[in-house]
Structures are given as structure tokens and as C-alpha cells.
PDB file of N, CA and C in Angstrom:
ATOM      1  N   MET A   1      97.517  83.849  92.555  1.00  0.00           N
ATOM      2  CA  MET A   1      98.942  83.726  92.752  1.00  0.00           C
ATOM      3  C   MET A   1      99.474  82.696  91.745  1.00  0.00           C
ATOM      4  N   THR A   2     100.649  82.955  91.294  1.00  0.00           N
ATOM      5  CA  THR A   2     101.278  82.043  90.348  1.00  0.00           C
ATOM      6  C   THR A   2     102.758  81.931  90.682  1.00  0.00           C
ATOM      7  N   LYS A   3     103.317  80.778  90.365  1.00  0.00           N
ATOM      8  CA  LYS A   3     104.732  80.546  90.655  1.00  0.00           C
ATOM      9  C   LYS A   3     105.644  81.332  89.723  1.00  0.00           C
ATOM     10  N   ASN A   4     105.239  81.440  88.443  1.00  0.00           N
ATOM     11  CA  ASN A   4     106.095  82.094  87.466  1.00  0.00           C
ATOM     12  C   ASN A   4     105.299  83.182  86.739  1.00  0.00           C
ATOM     13  N   ILE A   5     105.430  84.391  87.196  1.00  0.00           N
ATOM     14  CA  ILE A   5     104.672  85.507  86.623  1.00  0.00           C
ATOM     15  C   ILE A   5     105.183  85.902  85.229  1.00  0.00           C
ATOM     16  N   HIS A   6     106.377  85.487  84.874  1.00  0.00           N
ATOM     17  CA  HIS A   6     106.955  85.831  83.572  1.00  0.00           C
ATOM     18  C   HIS A   6     106.108  85.322  82.408  1.00  0.00           C
ATOM     19  N   LYS A   7     105.354  84.261  82.632  1.00  0.00           N
ATOM     20  CA  LYS A   7     104.495  83.735  81.571  1.00  0.00           C
ATOM     21  C   LYS A   7     103.293  84.646  81.316  1.00  0.00           C
ATOM     22  N   LEU A   8     102.965  85.481  82.287  1.00  0.00           N
ATOM     23  CA  LEU A   8     101.792  86.347  82.176  1.00  0.00           C
ATOM     24  C   LEU A   8     102.123  87.763  81.729  1.00  0.00           C
ATOM     25  N   LEU A   9     103.367  88.161  81.886  1.00  0.00           N
ATOM     26  CA  LEU A   9     103.753  89.538  81.598  1.00  0.00           C
ATOM     27  C   LEU A   9     104.422  89.678  80.238  1.00  0.00           C
ATOM     28  N   LYS A  10     104.197  90.835  79.642  1.00  0.00           N
ATOM     29  CA  LYS A  10     104.907  91.199  78.423  1.00  0.00           C
ATOM     30  C   LYS A  10     105.597  92.517  78.696  1.00  0.00           C
ATOM     31  N   GLU A  11     106.846  92.592  78.361  1.00  0.00           N
ATOM     32  CA  GLU A  11     107.598  93.826  78.552  1.00  0.00           C
ATOM     33  C   GLU A  11     107.523  94.635  77.274  1.00  0.00           C
ATOM     34  N   LYS A  12     107.212  95.919  77.420  1.00  0.00           N
ATOM     35  CA  LYS A  12     107.102  96.784  76.260  1.00  0.00           C
ATOM     36  C   LYS A  12     107.628  98.161  76.625  1.00  0.00           C
ATOM     37  N   GLU A  13     108.416  98.736  75.754  1.00  0.00           N
ATOM     38  CA  GLU A  13     108.946 100.072  75.971  1.00  0.00           C
ATOM     39  C   GLU A  13     108.050 101.075  75.258  1.00  0.00           C
ATOM     40  N   ILE A  14     107.740 102.159  75.953  1.00  0.00           N
ATOM     41  CA  ILE A  14     106.944 103.216  75.337  1.00  0.00           C
ATOM     42  C   ILE A  14     107.716 104.526  75.455  1.00  0.00           C
ATOM     43  N   SER A  15     107.503 105.395  74.498  1.00  0.00           N
ATOM     44  CA  SER A  15     108.186 106.683  74.487  1.00  0.00           C
ATOM     45  C   SER A  15     107.300 107.750  75.124  1.00  0.00           C
ATOM     46  N   PHE A  16     107.929 108.651  75.850  1.00  0.00           N
ATOM     47  CA  PHE A  16     107.230 109.786  76.437  1.00  0.00           C
ATOM     48  C   PHE A  16     107.785 111.070  75.854  1.00  0.00           C
ATOM     49  N   GLU A  17     106.896 111.996  75.601  1.00  0.00           N
ATOM     50  CA  GLU A  17     107.254 113.335  75.172  1.00  0.00           C
ATOM     51  C   GLU A  17     107.093 114.255  76.379  1.00  0.00           C
ATOM     52  N   PRO A  18     107.748 115.405  76.380  1.00  0.00           N
ATOM     53  CA  PRO A  18     107.552 116.344  77.486  1.00  0.00           C
ATOM     54  C   PRO A  18     106.070 116.637  77.713  1.00  0.00           C
ATOM     55  N   ASN A  19     105.682 116.634  78.980  1.00  0.00           N
ATOM     56  CA  ASN A  19     104.322 116.882  79.462  1.00  0.00           C
ATOM     57  C   ASN A  19     103.378 115.689  79.330  1.00  0.00           C
ATOM     58  N   ASP A  20     103.826 114.561  78.788  1.00  0.00           N
ATOM     59  CA  ASP A  20     102.987 113.371  78.767  1.00  0.00           C
ATOM     60  C   ASP A  20     102.737 112.909  80.194  1.00  0.00           C
ATOM     61  N   VAL A  21     101.521 112.426  80.441  1.00  0.00           N
ATOM     62  CA  VAL A  21     101.147 111.915  81.751  1.00  0.00           C
ATOM     63  C   VAL A  21     100.656 110.484  81.584  1.00  0.00           C
ATOM     64  N   ALA A  22     101.161 109.582  82.418  1.00  0.00           N
ATOM     65  CA  ALA A  22     100.673 108.206  82.460  1.00  0.00           C
ATOM     66  C   ALA A  22      99.781 108.083  83.684  1.00  0.00           C
ATOM     67  N   ILE A  23      98.631 107.456  83.501  1.00  0.00           N
ATOM     68  CA  ILE A  23      97.665 107.291  84.579  1.00  0.00           C
ATOM     69  C   ILE A  23      97.462 105.796  84.782  1.00  0.00           C
ATOM     70  N   LEU A  24      97.779 105.336  85.982  1.00  0.00           N
ATOM     71  CA  LEU A  24      97.648 103.922  86.336  1.00  0.00           C
ATOM     72  C   LEU A  24      96.577 103.820  87.412  1.00  0.00           C
ATOM     73  N   TYR A  25      95.617 102.922  87.205  1.00  0.00           N
ATOM     74  CA  TYR A  25      94.516 102.816  88.166  1.00  0.00           C
ATOM     75  C   TYR A  25      94.026 101.384  88.254  1.00  0.00           C
ATOM     76  N   SER A  26      93.435 101.065  89.396  1.00  0.00           N
ATOM     77  CA  SER A  26      92.856  99.733  89.572  1.00  0.00           C
ATOM     78  C   SER A  26      91.369  99.781  89.210  1.00  0.00           C
ATOM     79  N   ASP A  27      90.777  98.615  89.055  1.00  0.00           N
ATOM     80  CA  ASP A  27      89.357  98.544  88.712  1.00  0.00           C
ATOM     81  C   ASP A  27      88.470  99.053  89.841  1.00  0.00           C
ATOM     82  N   GLY A  28      89.043  99.260  91.024  1.00  0.00           N
ATOM     83  CA  GLY A  28      88.275  99.829  92.119  1.00  0.00           C
ATOM     84  C   GLY A  28      87.790 101.234  91.820  1.00  0.00           C
ATOM     85  N   ILE A  29      88.465 101.932  90.915  1.00  0.00           N
ATOM     86  CA  ILE A  29      88.027 103.273  90.520  1.00  0.00           C
ATOM     87  C   ILE A  29      86.868 103.178  89.536  1.00  0.00           C
ATOM     88  N   THR A  30      87.034 102.454  88.462  1.00  0.00           N
ATOM     89  CA  THR A  30      85.982 102.388  87.444  1.00  0.00           C
ATOM     90  C   THR A  30      84.765 101.599  87.923  1.00  0.00           C
ATOM     91  N   GLU A  31      84.943 100.719  88.904  1.00  0.00           N
ATOM     92  CA  GLU A  31      83.826  99.929  89.421  1.00  0.00           C
ATOM     93  C   GLU A  31      83.253 100.484  90.720  1.00  0.00           C
ATOM     94  N   ALA A  32      83.714 101.666  91.148  1.00  0.00           N
ATOM     95  CA  ALA A  32      83.158 102.305  92.342  1.00  0.00           C
ATOM     96  C   ALA A  32      81.694 102.646  92.078  1.00  0.00           C
ATOM     97  N   ILE A  33      80.843 102.465  93.099  1.00  0.00           N
ATOM     98  CA  ILE A  33      79.421 102.719  92.922  1.00  0.00           C
ATOM     99  C   ILE A  33      78.997 103.976  93.675  1.00  0.00           C
ATOM    100  N   ASN A  34      77.870 104.523  93.275  1.00  0.00           N
ATOM    101  CA  ASN A  34      77.404 105.786  93.830  1.00  0.00           C
ATOM    102  C   ASN A  34      76.336 105.638  94.905  1.00  0.00           C
ATOM    103  N   LYS A  35      76.132 104.460  95.407  1.00  0.00           N
ATOM    104  CA  LYS A  35      75.133 104.228  96.448  1.00  0.00           C
ATOM    105  C   LYS A  35      75.786 103.516  97.622  1.00  0.00           C
ATOM    106  N   PRO A  36      75.295 103.759  98.854  1.00  0.00           N
ATOM    107  CA  PRO A  36      75.889 103.087 100.005  1.00  0.00           C
ATOM    108  C   PRO A  36      75.553 101.599 100.097  1.00  0.00           C
ATOM    109  N   ARG A  37      74.583 101.135  99.349  1.00  0.00           N
ATOM    110  CA  ARG A  37      74.283  99.704  99.348  1.00  0.00           C
ATOM    111  C   ARG A  37      73.896  99.262  97.947  1.00  0.00           C
ATOM    112  N   ARG A  38      74.057  97.999  97.686  1.00  0.00           N
ATOM    113  CA  ARG A  38      73.713  97.456  96.367  1.00  0.00           C
ATOM    114  C   ARG A  38      72.238  97.076  96.350  1.00  0.00           C
ATOM    115  N   ASP A  39      71.422  97.915  95.752  1.00  0.00           N
ATOM    116  CA  ASP A  39      69.979  97.661  95.708  1.00  0.00           C
ATOM    117  C   ASP A  39      69.423  97.661  94.281  1.00  0.00           C
ATOM    118  N   GLY A  40      70.292  97.596  93.298  1.00  0.00           N
ATOM    119  CA  GLY A  40      69.856  97.567  91.912  1.00  0.00           C
ATOM    120  C   GLY A  40      69.758  98.937  91.266  1.00  0.00           C
ATOM    121  N   THR A  41      69.916 100.000  92.033  1.00  0.00           N
ATOM    122  CA  THR A  41      69.807 101.345  91.475  1.00  0.00           C
ATOM    123  C   THR A  41      71.157 102.045  91.376  1.00  0.00           C
ATOM    124  N   GLU A  42      72.207 101.367  91.788  1.00  0.00           N
ATOM    125  CA  GLU A  42      73.519 102.005  91.775  1.00  0.00           C
ATOM    126  C   GLU A  42      74.085 102.092  90.357  1.00  0.00           C
ATOM    127  N   ALA A  43      75.049 102.991  90.195  1.00  0.00           N
ATOM    128  CA  ALA A  43      75.763 103.129  88.924  1.00  0.00           C
ATOM    129  C   ALA A  43      77.255 103.081  89.223  1.00  0.00           C
ATOM    130  N   MET A  44      78.023 102.618  88.266  1.00  0.00           N
ATOM    131  CA  MET A  44      79.473 102.590  88.433  1.00  0.00           C
ATOM    132  C   MET A  44      80.084 103.884  87.893  1.00  0.00           C
ATOM    133  N   PHE A  45      81.229 104.257  88.455  1.00  0.00           N
ATOM    134  CA  PHE A  45      81.968 105.432  87.994  1.00  0.00           C
ATOM    135  C   PHE A  45      82.320 105.262  86.522  1.00  0.00           C
ATOM    136  N   GLY A  46      82.877 104.134  86.158  1.00  0.00           N
ATOM    137  CA  GLY A  46      83.127 103.778  84.767  1.00  0.00           C
ATOM    138  C   GLY A  46      84.261 104.529  84.089  1.00  0.00           C
ATOM    139  N   GLU A  47      84.606 104.062  82.926  1.00  0.00           N
ATOM    140  CA  GLU A  47      85.704 104.656  82.159  1.00  0.00           C
ATOM    141  C   GLU A  47      85.330 106.026  81.601  1.00  0.00           C
ATOM    142  N   ASP A  48      84.066 106.218  81.221  1.00  0.00           N
ATOM    143  CA  ASP A  48      83.659 107.518  80.669  1.00  0.00           C
ATOM    144  C   ASP A  48      83.834 108.626  81.694  1.00  0.00           C
ATOM    145  N   MET A  49      83.443 108.386  82.938  1.00  0.00           N
ATOM    146  CA  MET A  49      83.599 109.413  83.975  1.00  0.00           C
ATOM    147  C   MET A  49      85.072 109.613  84.324  1.00  0.00           C
ATOM    148  N   LEU A  50      85.862 108.549  84.253  1.00  0.00           N
ATOM    149  CA  LEU A  50      87.300 108.676  84.493  1.00  0.00           C
ATOM    150  C   LEU A  50      87.925 109.561  83.410  1.00  0.00           C
ATOM    151  N   VAL A  51      87.589 109.298  82.171  1.00  0.00           N
ATOM    152  CA  VAL A  51      88.109 110.107  81.061  1.00  0.00           C
ATOM    153  C   VAL A  51      87.671 111.562  81.219  1.00  0.00           C
ATOM    154  N   ARG A  52      86.423 111.781  81.597  1.00  0.00           N
ATOM    155  CA  ARG A  52      85.928 113.148  81.790  1.00  0.00           C
ATOM    156  C   ARG A  52      86.699 113.852  82.909  1.00  0.00           C
ATOM    157  N   ALA A  53      86.993 113.130  83.993  1.00  0.00           N
ATOM    158  CA  ALA A  53      87.757 113.719  85.102  1.00  0.00           C
ATOM    159  C   ALA A  53      89.161 114.107  84.632  1.00  0.00           C
ATOM    160  N   ILE A  54      89.748 113.297  83.768  1.00  0.00           N
ATOM    161  CA  ILE A  54      91.074 113.610  83.215  1.00  0.00           C
ATOM    162  C   ILE A  54      90.976 114.844  82.313  1.00  0.00           C
ATOM    163  N   GLN A  55      89.989 114.856  81.429  1.00  0.00           N
ATOM    164  CA  GLN A  55      89.826 115.980  80.503  1.00  0.00           C
ATOM    165  C   GLN A  55      89.503 117.283  81.226  1.00  0.00           C
ATOM    166  N   ASP A  56      88.768 117.200  82.333  1.00  0.00           N
ATOM    167  CA  ASP A  56      88.359 118.387  83.083  1.00  0.00           C
ATOM    168  C   ASP A  56      89.412 118.868  84.070  1.00  0.00           C
ATOM    169  N   ALA A  57      90.521 118.153  84.194  1.00  0.00           N
ATOM    170  CA  ALA A  57      91.582 118.593  85.108  1.00  0.00           C
ATOM    171  C   ALA A  57      92.081 119.958  84.662  1.00  0.00           C
ATOM    172  N   PRO A  58      92.359 120.835  85.623  1.00  0.00           N
ATOM    173  CA  PRO A  58      92.798 122.182  85.238  1.00  0.00           C
ATOM    174  C   PRO A  58      94.156 122.193  84.552  1.00  0.00           C
ATOM    175  N   GLU A  59      94.306 123.126  83.644  1.00  0.00           N
ATOM    176  CA  GLU A  59      95.597 123.347  82.995  1.00  0.00           C
ATOM    177  C   GLU A  59      96.363 124.342  83.856  1.00  0.00           C
ATOM    178  N   ILE A  60      97.646 124.103  84.014  1.00  0.00           N
ATOM    179  CA  ILE A  60      98.452 124.830  84.986  1.00  0.00           C
ATOM    180  C   ILE A  60      99.448 125.766  84.291  1.00  0.00           C
ATOM    181  N   GLY A  61      99.631 126.938  84.878  1.00  0.00           N
ATOM    182  CA  GLY A  61     100.683 127.864  84.461  1.00  0.00           C
ATOM    183  C   GLY A  61     100.456 128.521  83.123  1.00  0.00           C
ATOM    184  N   GLU A  62     101.457 129.293  82.738  1.00  0.00           N
ATOM    185  CA  GLU A  62     101.410 130.005  81.451  1.00  0.00           C
ATOM    186  C   GLU A  62     101.391 129.041  80.276  1.00  0.00           C
ATOM    187  N   ALA A  63     102.038 127.892  80.445  1.00  0.00           N
ATOM    188  CA  ALA A  63     102.093 126.908  79.358  1.00  0.00           C
ATOM    189  C   ALA A  63     100.766 126.178  79.184  1.00  0.00           C
ATOM    190  N   LYS A  64      99.856 126.316  80.158  1.00  0.00           N
ATOM    191  CA  LYS A  64      98.538 125.677  80.097  1.00  0.00           C
ATOM    192  C   LYS A  64      98.653 124.176  79.835  1.00  0.00           C
ATOM    193  N   ILE A  65      99.328 123.490  80.759  1.00  0.00           N
ATOM    194  CA  ILE A  65      99.481 122.038  80.644  1.00  0.00           C
ATOM    195  C   ILE A  65      98.775 121.352  81.801  1.00  0.00           C
ATOM    196  N   LYS A  66      98.235 120.176  81.523  1.00  0.00           N
ATOM    197  CA  LYS A  66      97.694 119.347  82.589  1.00  0.00           C
ATOM    198  C   LYS A  66      98.884 118.639  83.231  1.00  0.00           C
ATOM    199  N   THR A  67      98.911 118.635  84.541  1.00  0.00           N
ATOM    200  CA  THR A  67     100.014 117.988  85.240  1.00  0.00           C
ATOM    201  C   THR A  67      99.522 116.712  85.918  1.00  0.00           C
ATOM    202  N   ALA A  68     100.459 115.860  86.275  1.00  0.00           N
ATOM    203  CA  ALA A  68     100.116 114.641  86.998  1.00  0.00           C
ATOM    204  C   ALA A  68      99.363 114.990  88.275  1.00  0.00           C
ATOM    205  N   LYS A  69      99.784 116.045  88.941  1.00  0.00           N
ATOM    206  CA  LYS A  69      99.145 116.461  90.193  1.00  0.00           C
ATOM    207  C   LYS A  69      97.717 116.957  89.957  1.00  0.00           C
ATOM    208  N   SER A  70      97.517 117.784  88.932  1.00  0.00           N
ATOM    209  CA  SER A  70      96.169 118.314  88.679  1.00  0.00           C
ATOM    210  C   SER A  70      95.219 117.194  88.237  1.00  0.00           C
ATOM    211  N   ILE A  71      95.730 116.243  87.477  1.00  0.00           N
ATOM    212  CA  ILE A  71      94.896 115.118  87.039  1.00  0.00           C
ATOM    213  C   ILE A  71      94.558 114.219  88.220  1.00  0.00           C
ATOM    214  N   PHE A  72      95.560 113.900  89.052  1.00  0.00           N
ATOM    215  CA  PHE A  72      95.330 113.056  90.228  1.00  0.00           C
ATOM    216  C   PHE A  72      94.268 113.690  91.130  1.00  0.00           C
ATOM    217  N   LYS A  73      94.423 114.975  91.399  1.00  0.00           N
ATOM    218  CA  LYS A  73      93.471 115.654  92.287  1.00  0.00           C
ATOM    219  C   LYS A  73      92.076 115.688  91.681  1.00  0.00           C
ATOM    220  N   ASN A  74      91.972 115.938  90.390  1.00  0.00           N
ATOM    221  CA  ASN A  74      90.644 116.023  89.783  1.00  0.00           C
ATOM    222  C   ASN A  74      89.959 114.658  89.761  1.00  0.00           C
ATOM    223  N   ILE A  75      90.692 113.597  89.495  1.00  0.00           N
ATOM    224  CA  ILE A  75      90.107 112.253  89.558  1.00  0.00           C
ATOM    225  C   ILE A  75      89.650 111.968  90.980  1.00  0.00           C
ATOM    226  N   SER A  76      90.488 112.273  91.969  1.00  0.00           N
ATOM    227  CA  SER A  76      90.151 112.017  93.378  1.00  0.00           C
ATOM    228  C   SER A  76      88.897 112.776  93.792  1.00  0.00           C
ATOM    229  N   ILE A  77      88.812 114.038  93.418  1.00  0.00           N
ATOM    230  CA  ILE A  77      87.647 114.856  93.765  1.00  0.00           C
ATOM    231  C   ILE A  77      86.397 114.333  93.060  1.00  0.00           C
ATOM    232  N   SER A  78      86.506 114.019  91.783  1.00  0.00           N
ATOM    233  CA  SER A  78      85.360 113.508  91.015  1.00  0.00           C
ATOM    234  C   SER A  78      84.862 112.186  91.582  1.00  0.00           C
ATOM    235  N   LEU A  79      85.789 111.307  91.914  1.00  0.00           N
ATOM    236  CA  LEU A  79      85.423 109.999  92.452  1.00  0.00           C
ATOM    237  C   LEU A  79      84.766 110.143  93.825  1.00  0.00           C
ATOM    238  N   SER A  80      85.329 110.966  94.683  1.00  0.00           N
ATOM    239  CA  SER A  80      84.750 111.180  96.016  1.00  0.00           C
ATOM    240  C   SER A  80      83.360 111.782  95.915  1.00  0.00           C
ATOM    241  N   SER A  81      83.205 112.750  95.036  1.00  0.00           N
ATOM    242  CA  SER A  81      81.898 113.377  94.842  1.00  0.00           C
ATOM    243  C   SER A  81      80.885 112.368  94.323  1.00  0.00           C
ATOM    244  N   PHE A  82      81.310 111.517  93.408  1.00  0.00           N
ATOM    245  CA  PHE A  82      80.432 110.500  92.826  1.00  0.00           C
ATOM    246  C   PHE A  82      79.989 109.484  93.873  1.00  0.00           C
ATOM    247  N   MET A  83      80.931 109.014  94.693  1.00  0.00           N
ATOM    248  CA  MET A  83      80.623 107.970  95.678  1.00  0.00           C
ATOM    249  C   MET A  83      79.859 108.518  96.869  1.00  0.00           C
ATOM    250  N   GLY A  84      80.053 109.786  97.203  1.00  0.00           N
ATOM    251  CA  GLY A  84      79.411 110.348  98.378  1.00  0.00           C
ATOM    252  C   GLY A  84      80.179 109.965  99.631  1.00  0.00           C
ATOM    253  N   TYR A  85      79.707 110.460 100.748  1.00  0.00           N
ATOM    254  CA  TYR A  85      80.443 110.251 101.992  1.00  0.00           C
ATOM    255  C   TYR A  85      79.971 109.031 102.774  1.00  0.00           C
ATOM    256  N   LYS A  86      78.878 108.412 102.364  1.00  0.00           N
ATOM    257  CA  LYS A  86      78.365 107.237 103.078  1.00  0.00           C
ATOM    258  C   LYS A  86      78.502 105.969 102.240  1.00  0.00           C
ATOM    259  N   TYR A  87      79.476 105.954 101.335  1.00  0.00           N
ATOM    260  CA  TYR A  87      79.644 104.804 100.446  1.00  0.00           C
ATOM    261  C   TYR A  87      80.257 103.625 101.191  1.00  0.00           C
ATOM    262  N   ILE A  88      80.005 102.466 100.651  1.00  0.00           N
ATOM    263  CA  ILE A  88      80.650 101.250 101.130  1.00  0.00           C
ATOM    264  C   ILE A  88      81.697 100.884 100.088  1.00  0.00           C
ATOM    265  N   GLN A  89      82.952 100.914 100.477  1.00  0.00           N
ATOM    266  CA  GLN A  89      84.025 100.593  99.534  1.00  0.00           C
ATOM    267  C   GLN A  89      84.091  99.085  99.367  1.00  0.00           C
ATOM    268  N   LEU A  90      83.877  98.621  98.144  1.00  0.00           N
ATOM    269  CA  LEU A  90      83.824  97.185  97.873  1.00  0.00           C
ATOM    270  C   LEU A  90      85.121  96.637  97.297  1.00  0.00           C
ATOM    271  N   ASP A  91      86.011  97.507  96.890  1.00  0.00           N
ATOM    272  CA  ASP A  91      87.243  97.071  96.236  1.00  0.00           C
ATOM    273  C   ASP A  91      88.345  98.067  96.586  1.00  0.00           C
ATOM    274  N   ASP A  92      89.593  97.636  96.404  1.00  0.00           N
ATOM    275  CA  ASP A  92      90.691  98.566  96.621  1.00  0.00           C
ATOM    276  C   ASP A  92      90.645  99.658  95.561  1.00  0.00           C
ATOM    277  N   ILE A  93      91.111 100.831  95.925  1.00  0.00           N
ATOM    278  CA  ILE A  93      91.166 101.961  94.993  1.00  0.00           C
ATOM    279  C   ILE A  93      92.618 102.401  94.913  1.00  0.00           C
ATOM    280  N   THR A  94      93.199 102.242  93.729  1.00  0.00           N
ATOM    281  CA  THR A  94      94.589 102.593  93.521  1.00  0.00           C
ATOM    282  C   THR A  94      94.678 103.551  92.335  1.00  0.00           C
ATOM    283  N   LEU A  95      95.429 104.637  92.529  1.00  0.00           N
ATOM    284  CA  LEU A  95      95.604 105.620  91.465  1.00  0.00           C
ATOM    285  C   LEU A  95      97.016 106.178  91.551  1.00  0.00           C
ATOM    286  N   ALA A  96      97.712 106.174  90.417  1.00  0.00           N
ATOM    287  CA  ALA A  96      99.042 106.779  90.334  1.00  0.00           C
ATOM    288  C   ALA A  96      99.115 107.558  89.021  1.00  0.00           C
ATOM    289  N   THR A  97      99.662 108.765  89.108  1.00  0.00           N
ATOM    290  CA  THR A  97      99.883 109.561  87.901  1.00  0.00           C
ATOM    291  C   THR A  97     101.352 109.966  87.886  1.00  0.00           C
ATOM    292  N   VAL A  98     101.969 109.829  86.733  1.00  0.00           N
ATOM    293  CA  VAL A  98     103.376 110.205  86.574  1.00  0.00           C
ATOM    294  C   VAL A  98     103.507 111.052  85.313  1.00  0.00           C
ATOM    295  N   GLN A  99     104.464 111.970  85.345  1.00  0.00           N
ATOM    296  CA  GLN A  99     104.603 112.896  84.229  1.00  0.00           C
ATOM    297  C   GLN A  99     106.064 113.076  83.861  1.00  0.00           C
ATOM    298  N   TYR A 100     106.291 113.191  82.568  1.00  0.00           N
ATOM    299  CA  TYR A 100     107.600 113.574  82.050  1.00  0.00           C
ATOM    300  C   TYR A 100     107.571 115.100  81.986  1.00  0.00           C
ATOM    301  N   MET A 101     108.240 115.738  82.922  1.00  0.00           N
ATOM    302  CA  MET A 101     108.188 117.193  83.036  1.00  0.00           C
ATOM    303  C   MET A 101     108.938 117.867  81.900  1.00  0.00           C
ATOM    304  N   SER A 102     108.317 118.909  81.380  1.00  0.00           N
ATOM    305  CA  SER A 102     108.970 119.700  80.339  1.00  0.00           C
ATOM    306  C   SER A 102     109.707 120.862  81.001  1.00  0.00           C
ATOM    307  N   PRO A 103     110.563 121.530  80.258  1.00  0.00           N
ATOM    308  CA  PRO A 103     111.245 122.707  80.814  1.00  0.00           C
ATOM    309  C   PRO A 103     110.273 123.826  81.212  1.00  0.00           C
ATOM    310  N   GLU A 104     109.060 123.838  80.630  1.00  0.00           N
ATOM    311  CA  GLU A 104     108.073 124.871  80.960  1.00  0.00           C
ATOM    312  C   GLU A 104     107.433 124.667  82.328  1.00  0.00           C
ATOM    313  N   TYR A 105     107.544 123.451  82.883  1.00  0.00           N
ATOM    314  CA  TYR A 105     106.892 123.164  84.164  1.00  0.00           C
ATOM    315  C   TYR A 105     107.517 123.976  85.291  1.00  0.00           C
ATOM    316  N   LYS A 106     106.646 124.604  86.081  1.00  0.00           N
ATOM    317  CA  LYS A 106     107.084 125.345  87.257  1.00  0.00           C
ATOM    318  C   LYS A 106     106.273 124.848  88.439  1.00  0.00           C
ATOM    319  N   LYS A 107     106.951 124.238  89.389  1.00  0.00           N
ATOM    320  CA  LYS A 107     106.275 123.646  90.539  1.00  0.00           C
ATOM    321  C   LYS A 107     105.376 124.642  91.256  1.00  0.00           C
ATOM    322  N   GLU A 108     105.831 125.884  91.376  1.00  0.00           N
ATOM    323  CA  GLU A 108     105.055 126.888  92.103  1.00  0.00           C
ATOM    324  C   GLU A 108     103.744 127.245  91.399  1.00  0.00           C
ATOM    325  N   GLU A 109     103.616 126.906  90.115  1.00  0.00           N
ATOM    326  CA  GLU A 109     102.375 127.173  89.385  1.00  0.00           C
ATOM    327  C   GLU A 109     101.410 125.992  89.433  1.00  0.00           C
ATOM    328  N   ASP A 110     101.901 124.828  89.859  1.00  0.00           N
ATOM    329  CA  ASP A 110     101.050 123.637  89.898  1.00  0.00           C
ATOM    330  C   ASP A 110      99.969 123.811  90.959  1.00  0.00           C
ATOM    331  N   CYS A 111      98.924 123.023  90.856  1.00  0.00           N
ATOM    332  CA  CYS A 111      97.786 123.182  91.766  1.00  0.00           C
ATOM    333  C   CYS A 111      98.218 123.062  93.224  1.00  0.00           C
ATOM    334  N   SER A 112      97.563 123.823  94.060  1.00  0.00           N
ATOM    335  CA  SER A 112      97.931 123.857  95.474  1.00  0.00           C
ATOM    336  C   SER A 112      97.368 122.631  96.187  1.00  0.00           C
ATOM    337  N   GLU A 113      97.766 122.462  97.417  1.00  0.00           N
ATOM    338  CA  GLU A 113      97.258 121.366  98.238  1.00  0.00           C
ATOM    339  C   GLU A 113      95.779 121.573  98.558  1.00  0.00           C
ATOM    340  N   ASN A 114      95.290 122.782  98.413  1.00  0.00           N
ATOM    341  CA  ASN A 114      93.908 123.102  98.765  1.00  0.00           C
ATOM    342  C   ASN A 114      92.976 123.122  97.564  1.00  0.00           C
ATOM    343  N   MET A 115      93.439 122.668  96.414  1.00  0.00           N
ATOM    344  CA  MET A 115      92.622 122.693  95.203  1.00  0.00           C
ATOM    345  C   MET A 115      91.323 121.977  95.394  1.00  0.00           C
TER     346      MET A 115
END
């Protein structure tokens, strides 16, 4: 905690093009482990697996674009599969994906809730 956060932050404007997706995540994702206990044999999810989950997200619709929703779901599925169902969560896990929608985007073509 700090009294004046302005000393720590830098404001920067970035440009988005249609279909660009921004992915915001906490270290709880990249530092998630694949074992239910820390015994020296665990591995972390890491940035390489995160990038692979983003790259492997399905392309949606006729325009064949990756959407914020398809990327979010693919990261979530990849991370859950990696950690397994008996994992011990050691850190918070935060993930947000946002997209600048292009005119080609059609909500009805985006991945379903059951993907």
C-alpha cells in the first residue's frame, strides 16, 4: 500500500485497430502449478502456455477472427486442464479480455456458452 500511487503509475495511450484484443491477467495465471502440493515436481503454467492458449483460441465466423470471448474461454479451459481438479490455488487468478469490435463481428457467430 502506498499513500500516493501517482509516483508509481505512468499513463500511456495506445491505439486499437478493429479486432484487436487486450488481455489483462494477474501472475496467478502464469504462476499456477500443475500439482496439488508443492513437492519439487510441479511446473508453472508460464507465459509460453498462456501465449499458446491465446494462439490456439478458435477463430470465429466468416471473418475468421479471434474474439475476446474465444480467447478468454480458451485460456480458462487450458488453465483448468493444466491445474487439474485437485489443485491448491496459491494466488488470486484474474483474467480480463477486451476487444475493439469490427463491423464484421457478429455476436451470434461468437463461441457459445458451452464451448
